Amino acid sequence: TCIEGGTGAAKSWVTGEALYGELKANRDGAANLIRLPLAYARALTQPQTATPLTAIGELIPFESVVGVNGRIWISANSAADAIRISQALLRTAHLPAPDAIEAVRRLCRKP
């Protein structure tokens, strides 16, 4: 996760004075960085109850950080899970939200 890596003082990231720690994979896991269309990345950050990320989280434990630049960092317990999550997001980027949610559920089910 992103953590303030400096003195602990609350400084706004807008001012450029905040320092954040390095994003690392889980201890035994793997991480992946992907690029998605900006509109899709923005939609993933909206405060709605159901998103493709919440649907994936019902099936696979993972952490993610969504950037406003369209980059998404994913950390999972295994490389296979990180790849499965990345591919599900990449394949559903151009689908409407309800279809994307159903598609990621199908794509992230373990065989």
N, C-alpha and C. Protein backbone atom coordinates (compact mmCIF):
# COMPACT_ATOMS: atom_id res chain seq x y z
N THR A 1 0.83 -1.18 0.00
CA THR A 1 0.00 0.00 0.00
C THR A 1 0.88 1.23 0.00
N CYS A 2 0.32 2.34 -0.39
CA CYS A 2 1.04 3.61 -0.34
C CYS A 2 1.03 4.10 1.10
N ILE A 3 2.18 4.44 1.59
CA ILE A 3 2.27 5.01 2.93
C ILE A 3 3.13 6.25 2.87
N GLU A 4 2.85 7.16 3.74
CA GLU A 4 3.66 8.37 3.81
C GLU A 4 5.01 7.96 4.37
N GLY A 5 6.06 8.14 3.60
CA GLY A 5 7.36 7.62 3.99
C GLY A 5 8.29 8.64 4.61
N GLY A 6 7.81 9.83 4.89
CA GLY A 6 8.67 10.88 5.44
C GLY A 6 8.60 10.96 6.94
N THR A 7 8.37 12.14 7.42
CA THR A 7 8.39 12.41 8.86
C THR A 7 7.10 12.06 9.56
N GLY A 8 6.07 11.73 8.82
CA GLY A 8 4.77 11.46 9.42
C GLY A 8 3.87 12.68 9.42
N ALA A 9 4.41 13.82 9.01
CA ALA A 9 3.60 15.03 8.96
C ALA A 9 2.60 14.92 7.81
N ALA A 10 1.40 15.40 8.03
CA ALA A 10 0.36 15.33 7.01
C ALA A 10 0.58 16.46 6.00
N LYS A 11 1.09 16.11 4.83
CA LYS A 11 1.30 17.09 3.77
C LYS A 11 0.52 16.62 2.55
N SER A 12 -0.07 17.53 1.87
CA SER A 12 -0.90 17.19 0.73
C SER A 12 -0.04 16.71 -0.44
N TRP A 13 -0.52 15.68 -1.13
CA TRP A 13 0.19 15.23 -2.31
C TRP A 13 0.11 16.26 -3.42
N VAL A 14 -0.86 17.15 -3.35
CA VAL A 14 -1.02 18.19 -4.38
C VAL A 14 0.17 19.14 -4.37
N THR A 15 0.72 19.41 -3.20
CA THR A 15 1.84 20.35 -3.11
C THR A 15 3.15 19.70 -3.55
N GLY A 16 3.15 18.39 -3.69
CA GLY A 16 4.38 17.70 -4.05
C GLY A 16 5.29 17.48 -2.87
N GLU A 17 4.84 17.77 -1.66
CA GLU A 17 5.67 17.63 -0.48
C GLU A 17 5.51 16.28 0.21
N ALA A 18 4.52 15.50 -0.18
CA ALA A 18 4.31 14.20 0.45
C ALA A 18 5.23 13.16 -0.20
N LEU A 19 5.76 12.30 0.59
CA LEU A 19 6.61 11.21 0.11
C LEU A 19 5.88 9.90 0.36
N TYR A 20 5.87 9.05 -0.62
CA TYR A 20 5.16 7.78 -0.47
C TYR A 20 6.13 6.63 -0.61
N GLY A 21 5.84 5.57 0.09
CA GLY A 21 6.69 4.39 0.07
C GLY A 21 6.55 3.62 -1.23
N GLU A 22 7.50 2.73 -1.46
CA GLU A 22 7.52 1.90 -2.65
C GLU A 22 6.40 0.87 -2.58
N LEU A 23 5.75 0.62 -3.72
CA LEU A 23 4.74 -0.43 -3.80
C LEU A 23 5.46 -1.76 -3.99
N LYS A 24 5.20 -2.69 -3.09
CA LYS A 24 5.88 -3.98 -3.14
C LYS A 24 4.85 -5.10 -3.16
N ALA A 25 5.25 -6.22 -3.73
CA ALA A 25 4.39 -7.40 -3.75
C ALA A 25 4.28 -7.97 -2.33
N ASN A 26 3.22 -8.75 -2.11
CA ASN A 26 3.10 -9.46 -0.84
C ASN A 26 4.35 -10.29 -0.62
N ARG A 27 4.58 -10.70 0.59
CA ARG A 27 5.81 -11.42 0.93
C ARG A 27 6.06 -12.62 0.02
N ASP A 28 5.07 -13.45 -0.20
CA ASP A 28 5.24 -14.63 -1.05
C ASP A 28 4.55 -14.47 -2.40
N GLY A 29 4.09 -13.28 -2.70
CA GLY A 29 3.27 -13.08 -3.88
C GLY A 29 3.98 -12.41 -5.04
N ALA A 30 3.17 -11.85 -5.90
CA ALA A 30 3.66 -11.20 -7.11
C ALA A 30 2.86 -9.94 -7.35
N ALA A 31 3.46 -9.01 -8.08
CA ALA A 31 2.78 -7.76 -8.41
C ALA A 31 2.89 -7.50 -9.90
N ASN A 32 1.97 -6.70 -10.40
CA ASN A 32 1.92 -6.39 -11.81
C ASN A 32 1.44 -4.96 -11.97
N LEU A 33 1.92 -4.29 -12.99
CA LEU A 33 1.49 -2.93 -13.30
C LEU A 33 0.93 -2.94 -14.72
N ILE A 34 -0.32 -2.47 -14.88
CA ILE A 34 -0.94 -2.45 -16.20
C ILE A 34 -1.45 -1.05 -16.48
N ARG A 35 -1.70 -0.77 -17.75
CA ARG A 35 -2.29 0.49 -18.17
C ARG A 35 -3.68 0.21 -18.73
N LEU A 36 -4.64 1.00 -18.27
CA LEU A 36 -6.01 0.90 -18.75
C LEU A 36 -6.43 2.26 -19.29
N PRO A 37 -7.49 2.29 -20.10
CA PRO A 37 -8.00 3.58 -20.55
C PRO A 37 -8.36 4.46 -19.34
N LEU A 38 -8.11 5.75 -19.47
CA LEU A 38 -8.35 6.67 -18.35
C LEU A 38 -9.78 6.62 -17.83
N ALA A 39 -10.75 6.52 -18.73
CA ALA A 39 -12.15 6.49 -18.29
C ALA A 39 -12.43 5.24 -17.45
N TYR A 40 -11.85 4.12 -17.83
CA TYR A 40 -12.06 2.87 -17.08
C TYR A 40 -11.38 2.96 -15.71
N ALA A 41 -10.17 3.48 -15.68
CA ALA A 41 -9.47 3.63 -14.39
C ALA A 41 -10.26 4.56 -13.47
N ARG A 42 -10.78 5.64 -14.03
CA ARG A 42 -11.58 6.57 -13.24
C ARG A 42 -12.84 5.89 -12.70
N ALA A 43 -13.47 5.07 -13.53
CA ALA A 43 -14.69 4.36 -13.11
C ALA A 43 -14.39 3.39 -11.97
N LEU A 44 -13.19 2.81 -11.97
CA LEU A 44 -12.83 1.87 -10.90
C LEU A 44 -12.67 2.56 -9.55
N THR A 45 -12.45 3.86 -9.57
CA THR A 45 -12.26 4.60 -8.31
C THR A 45 -13.54 5.24 -7.79
N GLN A 46 -14.62 5.13 -8.54
CA GLN A 46 -15.88 5.75 -8.11
C GLN A 46 -16.46 5.02 -6.91
N PRO A 47 -17.08 5.75 -5.98
CA PRO A 47 -17.61 5.14 -4.77
C PRO A 47 -18.96 4.45 -5.00
N GLN A 48 -18.95 3.44 -5.84
CA GLN A 48 -20.16 2.66 -6.05
C GLN A 48 -19.99 1.31 -5.37
N THR A 49 -21.06 0.61 -5.16
CA THR A 49 -20.97 -0.64 -4.41
C THR A 49 -20.37 -1.77 -5.23
N ALA A 50 -20.63 -1.83 -6.51
CA ALA A 50 -20.13 -2.93 -7.32
C ALA A 50 -19.25 -2.41 -8.45
N THR A 51 -18.01 -2.85 -8.48
CA THR A 51 -17.09 -2.53 -9.56
C THR A 51 -16.41 -3.84 -9.96
N PRO A 52 -15.73 -3.87 -11.09
CA PRO A 52 -14.97 -5.07 -11.42
C PRO A 52 -13.96 -5.44 -10.33
N LEU A 53 -13.37 -4.46 -9.66
CA LEU A 53 -12.41 -4.76 -8.59
C LEU A 53 -13.08 -5.47 -7.41
N THR A 54 -14.28 -5.04 -7.03
CA THR A 54 -14.97 -5.72 -5.93
C THR A 54 -15.39 -7.12 -6.34
N ALA A 55 -15.77 -7.30 -7.60
CA ALA A 55 -16.14 -8.63 -8.08
C ALA A 55 -14.93 -9.57 -8.05
N ILE A 56 -13.77 -9.07 -8.45
CA ILE A 56 -12.55 -9.88 -8.40
C ILE A 56 -12.21 -10.21 -6.95
N GLY A 57 -12.36 -9.24 -6.06
CA GLY A 57 -12.05 -9.44 -4.64
C GLY A 57 -12.89 -10.51 -3.98
N GLU A 58 -14.06 -10.79 -4.52
CA GLU A 58 -14.90 -11.87 -3.99
C GLU A 58 -14.30 -13.24 -4.30
N LEU A 59 -13.44 -13.29 -5.31
CA LEU A 59 -12.87 -14.56 -5.76
C LEU A 59 -11.39 -14.74 -5.42
N ILE A 60 -10.64 -13.65 -5.47
CA ILE A 60 -9.18 -13.71 -5.30
C ILE A 60 -8.75 -12.59 -4.35
N PRO A 61 -8.00 -12.92 -3.29
CA PRO A 61 -7.49 -11.84 -2.44
C PRO A 61 -6.37 -11.08 -3.16
N PHE A 62 -6.44 -9.75 -3.14
CA PHE A 62 -5.42 -8.94 -3.80
C PHE A 62 -5.47 -7.52 -3.26
N GLU A 63 -4.44 -6.76 -3.59
CA GLU A 63 -4.39 -5.33 -3.31
C GLU A 63 -4.22 -4.62 -4.63
N SER A 64 -4.76 -3.41 -4.71
CA SER A 64 -4.57 -2.64 -5.94
C SER A 64 -4.46 -1.16 -5.60
N VAL A 65 -3.79 -0.46 -6.48
CA VAL A 65 -3.69 1.00 -6.43
C VAL A 65 -4.03 1.48 -7.83
N VAL A 66 -5.04 2.33 -7.92
CA VAL A 66 -5.49 2.85 -9.21
C VAL A 66 -5.03 4.30 -9.32
N GLY A 67 -4.26 4.58 -10.36
CA GLY A 67 -3.77 5.94 -10.58
C GLY A 67 -4.66 6.70 -11.55
N VAL A 68 -4.68 8.01 -11.41
CA VAL A 68 -5.46 8.83 -12.34
C VAL A 68 -4.84 8.85 -13.74
N ASN A 69 -3.64 8.32 -13.86
CA ASN A 69 -2.98 8.23 -15.16
C ASN A 69 -3.33 6.95 -15.91
N GLY A 70 -4.23 6.13 -15.35
CA GLY A 70 -4.64 4.89 -16.01
C GLY A 70 -3.81 3.69 -15.63
N ARG A 71 -2.79 3.88 -14.82
CA ARG A 71 -1.97 2.75 -14.39
C ARG A 71 -2.56 2.12 -13.14
N ILE A 72 -2.57 0.80 -13.13
CA ILE A 72 -3.10 0.07 -11.98
C ILE A 72 -2.06 -0.94 -11.54
N TRP A 73 -1.70 -0.85 -10.26
CA TRP A 73 -0.75 -1.77 -9.65
C TRP A 73 -1.56 -2.83 -8.93
N ILE A 74 -1.23 -4.09 -9.16
CA ILE A 74 -1.96 -5.22 -8.58
C ILE A 74 -0.96 -6.12 -7.87
N SER A 75 -1.27 -6.47 -6.63
CA SER A 75 -0.46 -7.41 -5.86
C SER A 75 -1.36 -8.55 -5.42
N ALA A 76 -0.93 -9.77 -5.68
CA ALA A 76 -1.71 -10.96 -5.32
C ALA A 76 -0.79 -11.99 -4.67
N ASN A 77 -1.39 -13.05 -4.16
CA ASN A 77 -0.62 -14.08 -3.46
C ASN A 77 0.24 -14.94 -4.38
N SER A 78 -0.06 -14.93 -5.68
CA SER A 78 0.74 -15.71 -6.61
C SER A 78 0.81 -14.96 -7.95
N ALA A 79 1.82 -15.33 -8.73
CA ALA A 79 1.96 -14.72 -10.05
C ALA A 79 0.75 -15.05 -10.92
N ALA A 80 0.25 -16.27 -10.80
CA ALA A 80 -0.91 -16.68 -11.59
C ALA A 80 -2.12 -15.80 -11.28
N ASP A 81 -2.34 -15.50 -9.99
CA ASP A 81 -3.46 -14.65 -9.61
C ASP A 81 -3.27 -13.22 -10.11
N ALA A 82 -2.06 -12.69 -10.00
CA ALA A 82 -1.79 -11.32 -10.48
C ALA A 82 -2.03 -11.22 -11.99
N ILE A 83 -1.62 -12.23 -12.72
CA ILE A 83 -1.84 -12.25 -14.17
C ILE A 83 -3.32 -12.42 -14.49
N ARG A 84 -4.00 -13.31 -13.77
CA ARG A 84 -5.43 -13.52 -13.99
C ARG A 84 -6.21 -12.21 -13.78
N ILE A 85 -5.90 -11.49 -12.71
CA ILE A 85 -6.57 -10.21 -12.42
C ILE A 85 -6.25 -9.18 -13.50
N SER A 86 -4.98 -9.07 -13.86
CA SER A 86 -4.56 -8.11 -14.90
C SER A 86 -5.27 -8.37 -16.22
N GLN A 87 -5.30 -9.62 -16.63
CA GLN A 87 -5.93 -9.97 -17.90
C GLN A 87 -7.43 -9.71 -17.86
N ALA A 88 -8.06 -9.99 -16.73
CA ALA A 88 -9.50 -9.74 -16.60
C ALA A 88 -9.80 -8.26 -16.77
N LEU A 89 -9.00 -7.40 -16.14
CA LEU A 89 -9.22 -5.96 -16.25
C LEU A 89 -8.94 -5.46 -17.67
N LEU A 90 -7.88 -5.95 -18.28
CA LEU A 90 -7.54 -5.53 -19.64
C LEU A 90 -8.63 -5.96 -20.63
N ARG A 91 -9.17 -7.16 -20.46
CA ARG A 91 -10.18 -7.67 -21.40
C ARG A 91 -11.56 -7.03 -21.22
N THR A 92 -11.81 -6.42 -20.08
CA THR A 92 -13.13 -5.85 -19.83
C THR A 92 -13.14 -4.32 -19.85
N ALA A 93 -12.04 -3.72 -20.23
CA ALA A 93 -11.91 -2.26 -20.17
C ALA A 93 -12.93 -1.52 -21.02
N HIS A 94 -13.42 -2.13 -22.08
CA HIS A 94 -14.33 -1.43 -22.98
C HIS A 94 -15.77 -1.89 -22.85
N LEU A 95 -16.07 -2.64 -21.79
CA LEU A 95 -17.43 -3.12 -21.57
C LEU A 95 -18.18 -2.19 -20.62
N PRO A 96 -19.50 -2.12 -20.75
CA PRO A 96 -20.29 -1.39 -19.76
C PRO A 96 -20.14 -2.06 -18.39
N ALA A 97 -20.29 -1.29 -17.32
CA ALA A 97 -20.03 -1.78 -15.95
C ALA A 97 -20.69 -3.12 -15.62
N PRO A 98 -21.99 -3.31 -15.85
CA PRO A 98 -22.60 -4.60 -15.49
C PRO A 98 -21.99 -5.78 -16.25
N ASP A 99 -21.69 -5.56 -17.54
CA ASP A 99 -21.06 -6.62 -18.33
C ASP A 99 -19.64 -6.88 -17.88
N ALA A 100 -18.92 -5.82 -17.53
CA ALA A 100 -17.53 -5.97 -17.06
C ALA A 100 -17.49 -6.77 -15.76
N ILE A 101 -18.42 -6.49 -14.86
CA ILE A 101 -18.46 -7.21 -13.59
C ILE A 101 -18.70 -8.69 -13.81
N GLU A 102 -19.65 -9.03 -14.65
CA GLU A 102 -19.94 -10.44 -14.93
C GLU A 102 -18.75 -11.10 -15.63
N ALA A 103 -18.13 -10.39 -16.56
CA ALA A 103 -16.98 -10.95 -17.29
C ALA A 103 -15.80 -11.22 -16.37
N VAL A 104 -15.48 -10.29 -15.45
CA VAL A 104 -14.34 -10.54 -14.56
C VAL A 104 -14.63 -11.71 -13.62
N ARG A 105 -15.89 -11.89 -13.24
CA ARG A 105 -16.23 -13.07 -12.41
C ARG A 105 -15.94 -14.35 -13.16
N ARG A 106 -16.28 -14.39 -14.45
CA ARG A 106 -16.00 -15.58 -15.26
C ARG A 106 -14.49 -15.77 -15.45
N LEU A 107 -13.79 -14.67 -15.75
CA LEU A 107 -12.36 -14.75 -16.03
C LEU A 107 -11.50 -15.07 -14.81
N CYS A 108 -11.96 -14.70 -13.63
CA CYS A 108 -11.15 -14.88 -12.43
C CYS A 108 -11.47 -16.15 -11.65
N ARG A 109 -12.46 -16.89 -12.09
CA ARG A 109 -12.73 -18.17 -11.43
C ARG A 109 -11.55 -19.09 -11.64
N LYS A 110 -11.16 -19.75 -10.57
CA LYS A 110 -10.04 -20.69 -10.69
C LYS A 110 -10.56 -21.99 -11.27
N PRO A 111 -9.78 -22.59 -12.16
CA PRO A 111 -10.22 -23.85 -12.80
C PRO A 111 -10.35 -24.99 -11.81
